[in-house]
Amino acid sequence: MKKILVVEDNELLRENIVEILQFEGFDVFEAEDGKHGVNRALEINPDLIVSDVNMPVQDGFEMLEELRSHQSTKITPF
């Protein structure tokens, strides 16, 4: 089963996205900001990351930059 990581600081929106993706049969994980998103991505090695851009702590661009510096997430679609 394909793993998707959803990174979104708006809880309601994140829950809706997760629910839709789960309904379509994906194994879905979630994080509330970029910092947690990086940690989660390194932990689960997702097949795809769907992320917000404007988030507290670490925004989507900073998250992408950090993920590209790790061998395991260097080419993960974002």
PDB file of N, CA and C in Angstrom:
ATOM      1  N   MET A   1       0.846  -1.176   0.000  1.00  0.00           N
ATOM      2  CA  MET A   1       0.000   0.000   0.000  1.00  0.00           C
ATOM      3  C   MET A   1       0.895   1.245   0.000  1.00  0.00           C
ATOM      4  N   LYS A   2       0.555   2.216  -0.806  1.00  0.00           N
ATOM      5  CA  LYS A   2       1.323   3.459  -0.897  1.00  0.00           C
ATOM      6  C   LYS A   2       1.115   4.301   0.356  1.00  0.00           C
ATOM      7  N   LYS A   3       2.238   4.862   0.868  1.00  0.00           N
ATOM      8  CA  LYS A   3       2.195   5.698   2.070  1.00  0.00           C
ATOM      9  C   LYS A   3       2.248   7.166   1.668  1.00  0.00           C
ATOM     10  N   ILE A   4       1.324   7.954   2.214  1.00  0.00           N
ATOM     11  CA  ILE A   4       1.286   9.390   1.955  1.00  0.00           C
ATOM     12  C   ILE A   4       1.372  10.124   3.289  1.00  0.00           C
ATOM     13  N   LEU A   5       2.243  11.118   3.335  1.00  0.00           N
ATOM     14  CA  LEU A   5       2.364  11.971   4.507  1.00  0.00           C
ATOM     15  C   LEU A   5       1.690  13.304   4.200  1.00  0.00           C
ATOM     16  N   VAL A   6       0.733  13.700   5.028  1.00  0.00           N
ATOM     17  CA  VAL A   6       0.030  14.974   4.883  1.00  0.00           C
ATOM     18  C   VAL A   6       0.529  15.914   5.981  1.00  0.00           C
ATOM     19  N   VAL A   7       1.073  17.065   5.567  1.00  0.00           N
ATOM     20  CA  VAL A   7       1.592  18.048   6.522  1.00  0.00           C
ATOM     21  C   VAL A   7       0.767  19.320   6.367  1.00  0.00           C
ATOM     22  N   GLU A   8      -0.009  19.638   7.390  1.00  0.00           N
ATOM     23  CA  GLU A   8      -0.936  20.772   7.339  1.00  0.00           C
ATOM     24  C   GLU A   8      -1.197  21.250   8.758  1.00  0.00           C
ATOM     25  N   ASP A   9      -1.064  22.555   8.994  1.00  0.00           N
ATOM     26  CA  ASP A   9      -1.269  23.076  10.345  1.00  0.00           C
ATOM     27  C   ASP A   9      -2.745  23.278  10.694  1.00  0.00           C
ATOM     28  N   ASN A  10      -3.609  23.378   9.710  1.00  0.00           N
ATOM     29  CA  ASN A  10      -5.039  23.524   9.961  1.00  0.00           C
ATOM     30  C   ASN A  10      -5.618  22.126  10.216  1.00  0.00           C
ATOM     31  N   GLU A  11      -5.991  21.880  11.452  1.00  0.00           N
ATOM     32  CA  GLU A  11      -6.411  20.540  11.856  1.00  0.00           C
ATOM     33  C   GLU A  11      -7.609  20.018  11.061  1.00  0.00           C
ATOM     34  N   LEU A  12      -8.613  20.846  10.861  1.00  0.00           N
ATOM     35  CA  LEU A  12      -9.808  20.420  10.136  1.00  0.00           C
ATOM     36  C   LEU A  12      -9.473  20.061   8.687  1.00  0.00           C
ATOM     37  N   LEU A  13      -8.698  20.901   8.033  1.00  0.00           N
ATOM     38  CA  LEU A  13      -8.293  20.628   6.655  1.00  0.00           C
ATOM     39  C   LEU A  13      -7.447  19.361   6.573  1.00  0.00           C
ATOM     40  N   ARG A  14      -6.507  19.212   7.508  1.00  0.00           N
ATOM     41  CA  ARG A  14      -5.662  18.015   7.548  1.00  0.00           C
ATOM     42  C   ARG A  14      -6.505  16.762   7.710  1.00  0.00           C
ATOM     43  N   GLU A  15      -7.463  16.793   8.623  1.00  0.00           N
ATOM     44  CA  GLU A  15      -8.324  15.634   8.852  1.00  0.00           C
ATOM     45  C   GLU A  15      -9.135  15.293   7.610  1.00  0.00           C
ATOM     46  N   ASN A  16      -9.624  16.311   6.895  1.00  0.00           N
ATOM     47  CA  ASN A  16     -10.397  16.072   5.669  1.00  0.00           C
ATOM     48  C   ASN A  16      -9.536  15.430   4.590  1.00  0.00           C
ATOM     49  N   ILE A  17      -8.327  15.933   4.408  1.00  0.00           N
ATOM     50  CA  ILE A  17      -7.421  15.375   3.400  1.00  0.00           C
ATOM     51  C   ILE A  17      -7.083  13.925   3.743  1.00  0.00           C
ATOM     52  N   VAL A  18      -6.775  13.686   5.006  1.00  0.00           N
ATOM     53  CA  VAL A  18      -6.439  12.327   5.462  1.00  0.00           C
ATOM     54  C   VAL A  18      -7.618  11.386   5.202  1.00  0.00           C
ATOM     55  N   GLU A  19      -8.807  11.815   5.541  1.00  0.00           N
ATOM     56  CA  GLU A  19      -9.997  10.983   5.359  1.00  0.00           C
ATOM     57  C   GLU A  19     -10.232  10.633   3.889  1.00  0.00           C
ATOM     58  N   ILE A  20     -10.082  11.608   3.020  1.00  0.00           N
ATOM     59  CA  ILE A  20     -10.273  11.372   1.580  1.00  0.00           C
ATOM     60  C   ILE A  20      -9.243  10.372   1.055  1.00  0.00           C
ATOM     61  N   LEU A  21      -7.983  10.569   1.439  1.00  0.00           N
ATOM     62  CA  LEU A  21      -6.927   9.670   0.967  1.00  0.00           C
ATOM     63  C   LEU A  21      -7.095   8.251   1.520  1.00  0.00           C
ATOM     64  N   GLN A  22      -7.515   8.140   2.765  1.00  0.00           N
ATOM     65  CA  GLN A  22      -7.756   6.817   3.346  1.00  0.00           C
ATOM     66  C   GLN A  22      -8.916   6.128   2.628  1.00  0.00           C
ATOM     67  N   PHE A  23      -9.940   6.881   2.297  1.00  0.00           N
ATOM     68  CA  PHE A  23     -11.083   6.334   1.574  1.00  0.00           C
ATOM     69  C   PHE A  23     -10.651   5.768   0.225  1.00  0.00           C
ATOM     70  N   GLU A  24      -9.641   6.385  -0.384  1.00  0.00           N
ATOM     71  CA  GLU A  24      -9.121   5.927  -1.667  1.00  0.00           C
ATOM     72  C   GLU A  24      -8.134   4.764  -1.526  1.00  0.00           C
ATOM     73  N   GLY A  25      -7.878   4.335  -0.292  1.00  0.00           N
ATOM     74  CA  GLY A  25      -7.072   3.147  -0.063  1.00  0.00           C
ATOM     75  C   GLY A  25      -5.607   3.377   0.249  1.00  0.00           C
ATOM     76  N   PHE A  26      -5.219   4.629   0.505  1.00  0.00           N
ATOM     77  CA  PHE A  26      -3.823   4.909   0.834  1.00  0.00           C
ATOM     78  C   PHE A  26      -3.579   4.758   2.331  1.00  0.00           C
ATOM     79  N   ASP A  27      -2.342   4.450   2.678  1.00  0.00           N
ATOM     80  CA  ASP A  27      -1.901   4.415   4.067  1.00  0.00           C
ATOM     81  C   ASP A  27      -1.436   5.842   4.377  1.00  0.00           C
ATOM     82  N   VAL A  28      -2.167   6.573   5.201  1.00  0.00           N
ATOM     83  CA  VAL A  28      -1.938   8.000   5.384  1.00  0.00           C
ATOM     84  C   VAL A  28      -1.412   8.308   6.781  1.00  0.00           C
ATOM     85  N   PHE A  29      -0.396   9.165   6.805  1.00  0.00           N
ATOM     86  CA  PHE A  29       0.196   9.643   8.049  1.00  0.00           C
ATOM     87  C   PHE A  29       0.065  11.152   8.049  1.00  0.00           C
ATOM     88  N   GLU A  30       0.169  11.766   9.218  1.00  0.00           N
ATOM     89  CA  GLU A  30      -0.018  13.218   9.275  1.00  0.00           C
ATOM     90  C   GLU A  30       0.955  13.887  10.222  1.00  0.00           C
ATOM     91  N   ALA A  31       1.146  15.196   9.972  1.00  0.00           N
ATOM     92  CA  ALA A  31       1.985  16.035  10.833  1.00  0.00           C
ATOM     93  C   ALA A  31       1.412  17.441  10.809  1.00  0.00           C
ATOM     94  N   GLU A  32       1.586  18.168  11.917  1.00  0.00           N
ATOM     95  CA  GLU A  32       0.963  19.484  12.056  1.00  0.00           C
ATOM     96  C   GLU A  32       1.844  20.656  11.647  1.00  0.00           C
ATOM     97  N   ASP A  33       3.103  20.422  11.368  1.00  0.00           N
ATOM     98  CA  ASP A  33       3.986  21.494  10.880  1.00  0.00           C
ATOM     99  C   ASP A  33       5.207  20.867  10.219  1.00  0.00           C
ATOM    100  N   GLY A  34       6.042  21.707   9.630  1.00  0.00           N
ATOM    101  CA  GLY A  34       7.195  21.216   8.890  1.00  0.00           C
ATOM    102  C   GLY A  34       8.189  20.439   9.720  1.00  0.00           C
ATOM    103  N   LYS A  35       8.417  20.884  10.946  1.00  0.00           N
ATOM    104  CA  LYS A  35       9.379  20.183  11.817  1.00  0.00           C
ATOM    105  C   LYS A  35       8.904  18.761  12.104  1.00  0.00           C
ATOM    106  N   HIS A  36       7.640  18.632  12.483  1.00  0.00           N
ATOM    107  CA  HIS A  36       7.083  17.302  12.723  1.00  0.00           C
ATOM    108  C   HIS A  36       7.008  16.511  11.414  1.00  0.00           C
ATOM    109  N   GLY A  37       6.769  17.211  10.313  1.00  0.00           N
ATOM    110  CA  GLY A  37       6.716  16.564   9.009  1.00  0.00           C
ATOM    111  C   GLY A  37       8.043  15.920   8.632  1.00  0.00           C
ATOM    112  N   VAL A  38       9.134  16.629   8.863  1.00  0.00           N
ATOM    113  CA  VAL A  38      10.463  16.071   8.568  1.00  0.00           C
ATOM    114  C   VAL A  38      10.693  14.827   9.417  1.00  0.00           C
ATOM    115  N   ASN A  39      10.425  14.916  10.708  1.00  0.00           N
ATOM    116  CA  ASN A  39      10.624  13.769  11.600  1.00  0.00           C
ATOM    117  C   ASN A  39       9.785  12.573  11.169  1.00  0.00           C
ATOM    118  N   ARG A  40       8.546  12.850  10.819  1.00  0.00           N
ATOM    119  CA  ARG A  40       7.629  11.781  10.396  1.00  0.00           C
ATOM    120  C   ARG A  40       8.100  11.153   9.083  1.00  0.00           C
ATOM    121  N   ALA A  41       8.535  11.996   8.137  1.00  0.00           N
ATOM    122  CA  ALA A  41       9.009  11.494   6.843  1.00  0.00           C
ATOM    123  C   ALA A  41      10.227  10.599   7.010  1.00  0.00           C
ATOM    124  N   LEU A  42      11.136  10.996   7.877  1.00  0.00           N
ATOM    125  CA  LEU A  42      12.335  10.184   8.109  1.00  0.00           C
ATOM    126  C   LEU A  42      11.981   8.871   8.800  1.00  0.00           C
ATOM    127  N   GLU A  43      10.925   8.887   9.586  1.00  0.00           N
ATOM    128  CA  GLU A  43      10.481   7.704  10.314  1.00  0.00           C
ATOM    129  C   GLU A  43       9.766   6.705   9.398  1.00  0.00           C
ATOM    130  N   ILE A  44       8.869   7.188   8.533  1.00  0.00           N
ATOM    131  CA  ILE A  44       8.017   6.276   7.748  1.00  0.00           C
ATOM    132  C   ILE A  44       8.435   6.123   6.293  1.00  0.00           C
ATOM    133  N   ASN A  45       9.297   7.005   5.793  1.00  0.00           N
ATOM    134  CA  ASN A  45       9.736   6.972   4.392  1.00  0.00           C
ATOM    135  C   ASN A  45       8.543   6.883   3.436  1.00  0.00           C
ATOM    136  N   PRO A  46       7.732   7.957   3.353  1.00  0.00           N
ATOM    137  CA  PRO A  46       6.516   7.920   2.536  1.00  0.00           C
ATOM    138  C   PRO A  46       6.819   7.894   1.038  1.00  0.00           C
ATOM    139  N   ASP A  47       5.820   7.470   0.252  1.00  0.00           N
ATOM    140  CA  ASP A  47       5.925   7.474  -1.206  1.00  0.00           C
ATOM    141  C   ASP A  47       5.604   8.851  -1.775  1.00  0.00           C
ATOM    142  N   LEU A  48       4.879   9.668  -1.009  1.00  0.00           N
ATOM    143  CA  LEU A  48       4.473  11.009  -1.437  1.00  0.00           C
ATOM    144  C   LEU A  48       4.265  11.873  -0.201  1.00  0.00           C
ATOM    145  N   ILE A  49       4.637  13.161  -0.308  1.00  0.00           N
ATOM    146  CA  ILE A  49       4.380  14.115   0.764  1.00  0.00           C
ATOM    147  C   ILE A  49       3.505  15.230   0.196  1.00  0.00           C
ATOM    148  N   VAL A  50       2.369  15.460   0.842  1.00  0.00           N
ATOM    149  CA  VAL A  50       1.465  16.555   0.487  1.00  0.00           C
ATOM    150  C   VAL A  50       1.571  17.564   1.623  1.00  0.00           C
ATOM    151  N   SER A  51       1.986  18.791   1.283  1.00  0.00           N
ATOM    152  CA  SER A  51       2.284  19.751   2.344  1.00  0.00           C
ATOM    153  C   SER A  51       1.726  21.139   2.067  1.00  0.00           C
ATOM    154  N   ASP A  52       1.327  21.789   3.134  1.00  0.00           N
ATOM    155  CA  ASP A  52       1.007  23.212   3.123  1.00  0.00           C
ATOM    156  C   ASP A  52       2.331  23.972   2.991  1.00  0.00           C
ATOM    157  N   VAL A  53       2.253  25.229   2.613  1.00  0.00           N
ATOM    158  CA  VAL A  53       3.458  26.054   2.519  1.00  0.00           C
ATOM    159  C   VAL A  53       3.598  26.929   3.761  1.00  0.00           C
ATOM    160  N   ASN A  54       2.546  27.638   4.125  1.00  0.00           N
ATOM    161  CA  ASN A  54       2.593  28.558   5.264  1.00  0.00           C
ATOM    162  C   ASN A  54       2.209  27.828   6.548  1.00  0.00           C
ATOM    163  N   MET A  55       3.235  27.484   7.349  1.00  0.00           N
ATOM    164  CA  MET A  55       3.012  26.789   8.611  1.00  0.00           C
ATOM    165  C   MET A  55       3.931  27.367   9.673  1.00  0.00           C
ATOM    166  N   PRO A  56       3.534  27.242  10.942  1.00  0.00           N
ATOM    167  CA  PRO A  56       4.419  27.690  12.016  1.00  0.00           C
ATOM    168  C   PRO A  56       5.594  26.730  12.188  1.00  0.00           C
ATOM    169  N   VAL A  57       6.557  27.144  12.940  1.00  0.00           N
ATOM    170  CA  VAL A  57       7.765  26.389  13.299  1.00  0.00           C
ATOM    171  C   VAL A  57       8.685  26.224  12.094  1.00  0.00           C
ATOM    172  N   GLN A  58       8.232  25.537  11.065  1.00  0.00           N
ATOM    173  CA  GLN A  58       9.016  25.328   9.849  1.00  0.00           C
ATOM    174  C   GLN A  58       8.040  25.279   8.678  1.00  0.00           C
ATOM    175  N   ASP A  59       8.212  26.195   7.709  1.00  0.00           N
ATOM    176  CA  ASP A  59       7.267  26.223   6.591  1.00  0.00           C
ATOM    177  C   ASP A  59       7.584  25.137   5.575  1.00  0.00           C
ATOM    178  N   GLY A  60       6.732  25.017   4.560  1.00  0.00           N
ATOM    179  CA  GLY A  60       6.877  23.972   3.561  1.00  0.00           C
ATOM    180  C   GLY A  60       8.181  24.032   2.784  1.00  0.00           C
ATOM    181  N   PHE A  61       8.652  25.251   2.473  1.00  0.00           N
ATOM    182  CA  PHE A  61       9.911  25.390   1.740  1.00  0.00           C
ATOM    183  C   PHE A  61      11.105  24.937   2.582  1.00  0.00           C
ATOM    184  N   GLU A  62      11.100  25.297   3.864  1.00  0.00           N
ATOM    185  CA  GLU A  62      12.175  24.868   4.764  1.00  0.00           C
ATOM    186  C   GLU A  62      12.142  23.358   4.963  1.00  0.00           C
ATOM    187  N   MET A  63      10.936  22.841   5.045  1.00  0.00           N
ATOM    188  CA  MET A  63      10.775  21.402   5.192  1.00  0.00           C
ATOM    189  C   MET A  63      11.342  20.671   3.973  1.00  0.00           C
ATOM    190  N   LEU A  64      10.992  21.137   2.787  1.00  0.00           N
ATOM    191  CA  LEU A  64      11.490  20.526   1.558  1.00  0.00           C
ATOM    192  C   LEU A  64      13.012  20.575   1.491  1.00  0.00           C
ATOM    193  N   GLU A  65      13.572  21.720   1.841  1.00  0.00           N
ATOM    194  CA  GLU A  65      15.027  21.867   1.825  1.00  0.00           C
ATOM    195  C   GLU A  65      15.696  20.861   2.764  1.00  0.00           C
ATOM    196  N   GLU A  66      15.136  20.706   3.954  1.00  0.00           N
ATOM    197  CA  GLU A  66      15.713  19.753   4.905  1.00  0.00           C
ATOM    198  C   GLU A  66      15.551  18.317   4.425  1.00  0.00           C
ATOM    199  N   LEU A  67      14.389  17.984   3.855  1.00  0.00           N
ATOM    200  CA  LEU A  67      14.172  16.625   3.358  1.00  0.00           C
ATOM    201  C   LEU A  67      15.128  16.278   2.226  1.00  0.00           C
ATOM    202  N   ARG A  68      15.457  17.260   1.396  1.00  0.00           N
ATOM    203  CA  ARG A  68      16.372  17.021   0.275  1.00  0.00           C
ATOM    204  C   ARG A  68      17.803  16.784   0.750  1.00  0.00           C
ATOM    205  N   SER A  69      18.100  17.125   1.992  1.00  0.00           N
ATOM    206  CA  SER A  69      19.443  16.916   2.528  1.00  0.00           C
ATOM    207  C   SER A  69      19.625  15.514   3.113  1.00  0.00           C
ATOM    208  N   HIS A  70      18.547  14.735   3.209  1.00  0.00           N
ATOM    209  CA  HIS A  70      18.603  13.372   3.739  1.00  0.00           C
ATOM    210  C   HIS A  70      18.521  12.379   2.584  1.00  0.00           C
ATOM    211  N   GLN A  71      19.384  11.398   2.601  1.00  0.00           N
ATOM    212  CA  GLN A  71      19.418  10.410   1.518  1.00  0.00           C
ATOM    213  C   GLN A  71      18.083   9.687   1.348  1.00  0.00           C
ATOM    214  N   SER A  72      17.421   9.354   2.446  1.00  0.00           N
ATOM    215  CA  SER A  72      16.189   8.561   2.365  1.00  0.00           C
ATOM    216  C   SER A  72      14.994   9.335   1.798  1.00  0.00           C
ATOM    217  N   THR A  73      15.033  10.664   1.859  1.00  0.00           N
ATOM    218  CA  THR A  73      13.904  11.465   1.356  1.00  0.00           C
ATOM    219  C   THR A  73      14.322  12.418   0.227  1.00  0.00           C
ATOM    220  N   LYS A  74      15.504  12.241  -0.258  1.00  0.00           N
ATOM    221  CA  LYS A  74      16.060  13.148  -1.273  1.00  0.00           C
ATOM    222  C   LYS A  74      15.208  13.240  -2.542  1.00  0.00           C
ATOM    223  N   ILE A  75      14.628  12.117  -2.956  1.00  0.00           N
ATOM    224  CA  ILE A  75      13.849  12.122  -4.209  1.00  0.00           C
ATOM    225  C   ILE A  75      12.360  11.831  -3.982  1.00  0.00           C
ATOM    226  N   THR A  76      11.919  11.887  -2.734  1.00  0.00           N
ATOM    227  CA  THR A  76      10.507  11.662  -2.451  1.00  0.00           C
ATOM    228  C   THR A  76       9.659  12.755  -3.095  1.00  0.00           C
ATOM    229  N   PRO A  77       8.650  12.386  -3.898  1.00  0.00           N
ATOM    230  CA  PRO A  77       7.780  13.421  -4.495  1.00  0.00           C
ATOM    231  C   PRO A  77       7.146  14.271  -3.403  1.00  0.00           C
ATOM    232  N   PHE A  78       7.155  15.579  -3.641  1.00  0.00           N
ATOM    233  CA  PHE A  78       6.685  16.538  -2.641  1.00  0.00           C
ATOM    234  C   PHE A  78       5.722  17.498  -3.306  1.00  0.00           C
TER     235      PHE A  78
END
